[in-house]
C-alpha atoms as a PDB file:
ATOM      1  CA  MET A   1      94.849 -10.359  23.180  1.00  0.00           C
ATOM      2  CA  LYS A   2      92.017  -8.034  24.229  1.00  0.00           C
ATOM      3  CA  THR A   3      89.676  -8.943  27.056  1.00  0.00           C
ATOM      4  CA  ALA A   4      86.038  -8.063  26.521  1.00  0.00           C
ATOM      5  CA  ASN A   5      84.452  -6.257  29.465  1.00  0.00           C
ATOM      6  CA  LYS A   6      81.057  -5.954  27.875  1.00  0.00           C
ATOM      7  CA  GLY A   7      78.304  -5.789  30.481  1.00  0.00           C
ATOM      8  CA  VAL A   8      80.678  -5.344  33.420  1.00  0.00           C
ATOM      9  CA  LEU A   9      79.830  -2.500  35.796  1.00  0.00           C
ATOM     10  CA  ASN A  10      82.559  -0.613  37.571  1.00  0.00           C
ATOM     11  CA  LYS A  11      82.540  -0.494  41.349  1.00  0.00           C
ATOM     12  CA  THR A  12      81.151   3.044  41.501  1.00  0.00           C
ATOM     13  CA  THR A  13      78.038   2.382  39.420  1.00  0.00           C
ATOM     14  CA  TRP A  14      76.928  -1.171  40.155  1.00  0.00           C
ATOM     15  CA  LYS A  15      74.830  -0.148  43.194  1.00  0.00           C
ATOM     16  CA  ALA A  16      72.791   2.219  41.018  1.00  0.00           C
ATOM     17  CA  ASN A  17      71.940  -0.704  38.739  1.00  0.00           C
ATOM     18  CA  VAL A  18      70.514  -3.085  41.352  1.00  0.00           C
ATOM     19  CA  SER A  19      67.010  -4.066  40.266  1.00  0.00           C
ATOM     20  CA  GLY A  20      64.024  -3.958  42.575  1.00  0.00           C
ATOM     21  CA  GLN A  21      63.897  -7.737  42.542  1.00  0.00           C
ATOM     22  CA  ASP A  22      67.577  -7.995  43.494  1.00  0.00           C
ATOM     23  CA  ARG A  23      67.038  -5.413  46.235  1.00  0.00           C
ATOM     24  CA  GLU A  24      64.237  -7.554  47.681  1.00  0.00           C
ATOM     25  CA  LYS A  25      66.522 -10.607  47.564  1.00  0.00           C
ATOM     26  CA  LEU A  26      69.201  -8.697  49.459  1.00  0.00           C
ATOM     27  CA  ILE A  27      66.675  -7.660  52.105  1.00  0.00           C
ATOM     28  CA  ALA A  28      65.471 -11.259  52.494  1.00  0.00           C
ATOM     29  CA  ALA A  29      69.041 -12.535  52.799  1.00  0.00           C
ATOM     30  CA  VAL A  30      69.923  -9.962  55.463  1.00  0.00           C
ATOM     31  CA  ALA A  31      66.721 -10.701  57.420  1.00  0.00           C
ATOM     32  CA  CYS A  32      67.474 -14.428  57.235  1.00  0.00           C
ATOM     33  CA  ARG A  33      71.017 -13.813  58.498  1.00  0.00           C
ATOM     34  CA  LYS A  34      69.628 -11.857  61.439  1.00  0.00           C
ATOM     35  CA  ALA A  35      67.213 -14.681  62.310  1.00  0.00           C
ATOM     36  CA  GLU A  36      69.951 -17.274  61.979  1.00  0.00           C
ATOM     37  CA  GLU A  37      72.279 -15.282  64.251  1.00  0.00           C
ATOM     38  CA  ARG A  38      69.695 -15.406  67.039  1.00  0.00           C
ATOM     39  CA  GLY A  39      68.986 -19.111  66.535  1.00  0.00           C
ATOM     40  CA  PHE A  40      65.666 -18.611  64.719  1.00  0.00           C
ATOM     41  CA  LYS A  41      63.933 -17.828  68.015  1.00  0.00           C
ATOM     42  CA  ASN A  42      60.839 -15.719  67.345  1.00  0.00           C
ATOM     43  CA  PHE A  43      57.914 -13.854  68.743  1.00  0.00           C
ATOM     44  CA  SER A  44      59.133 -12.053  71.801  1.00  0.00           C
ATOM     45  CA  PRO A  45      59.343  -8.254  71.795  1.00  0.00           C
ATOM     46  CA  GLU A  46      63.085  -8.264  71.142  1.00  0.00           C
ATOM     47  CA  LEU A  47      63.099 -11.321  68.823  1.00  0.00           C
ATOM     48  CA  ASP A  48      60.519 -10.494  66.188  1.00  0.00           C
ATOM     49  CA  PRO A  49      60.928 -11.577  62.544  1.00  0.00           C
ATOM     50  CA  LEU A  50      59.161  -8.409  61.401  1.00  0.00           C
ATOM     51  CA  LYS A  51      61.772  -6.398  63.291  1.00  0.00           C
ATOM     52  CA  ASP A  52      64.462  -8.387  61.438  1.00  0.00           C
ATOM     53  CA  LEU A  53      62.835  -7.456  58.144  1.00  0.00           C
ATOM     54  CA  ALA A  54      62.558  -3.772  59.047  1.00  0.00           C
ATOM     55  CA  GLU A  55      66.190  -3.652  60.135  1.00  0.00           C
ATOM     56  CA  ALA A  56      67.258  -5.501  56.979  1.00  0.00           C
ATOM     57  CA  GLU A  57      65.445  -2.958  54.796  1.00  0.00           C
ATOM     58  CA  ILE A  58      67.317  -0.134  56.523  1.00  0.00           C
ATOM     59  CA  GLU A  59      70.679  -1.900  56.176  1.00  0.00           C
ATOM     60  CA  VAL A  60      70.175  -2.586  52.473  1.00  0.00           C
ATOM     61  CA  ARG A  61      68.937   0.958  51.794  1.00  0.00           C
ATOM     62  CA  GLU A  62      72.018   2.398  53.519  1.00  0.00           C
ATOM     63  CA  PHE A  63      74.330  -0.037  51.706  1.00  0.00           C
ATOM     64  CA  LEU A  64      72.890   0.848  48.300  1.00  0.00           C
ATOM     65  CA  SER A  65      72.838   4.596  48.942  1.00  0.00           C
ATOM     66  CA  ASP A  66      75.408   6.883  47.349  1.00  0.00           C
ATOM     67  CA  ASN A  67      76.899   7.825  50.717  1.00  0.00           C
END
């Protein structure tokens, strides 16, 4: 019996096929995780939700890069 693998991406190419919308979802999820880890405390210089977002964008960009 043959198994159909139609539409399945191998582990070396799936990152190249992440849509812009999925990338934004990943960034939001990472930023939310960062906020949750610090107890959702906001608005001090070191606990800024915009900083979480900026750091999340960097993390996701690095994760999705070819390196």
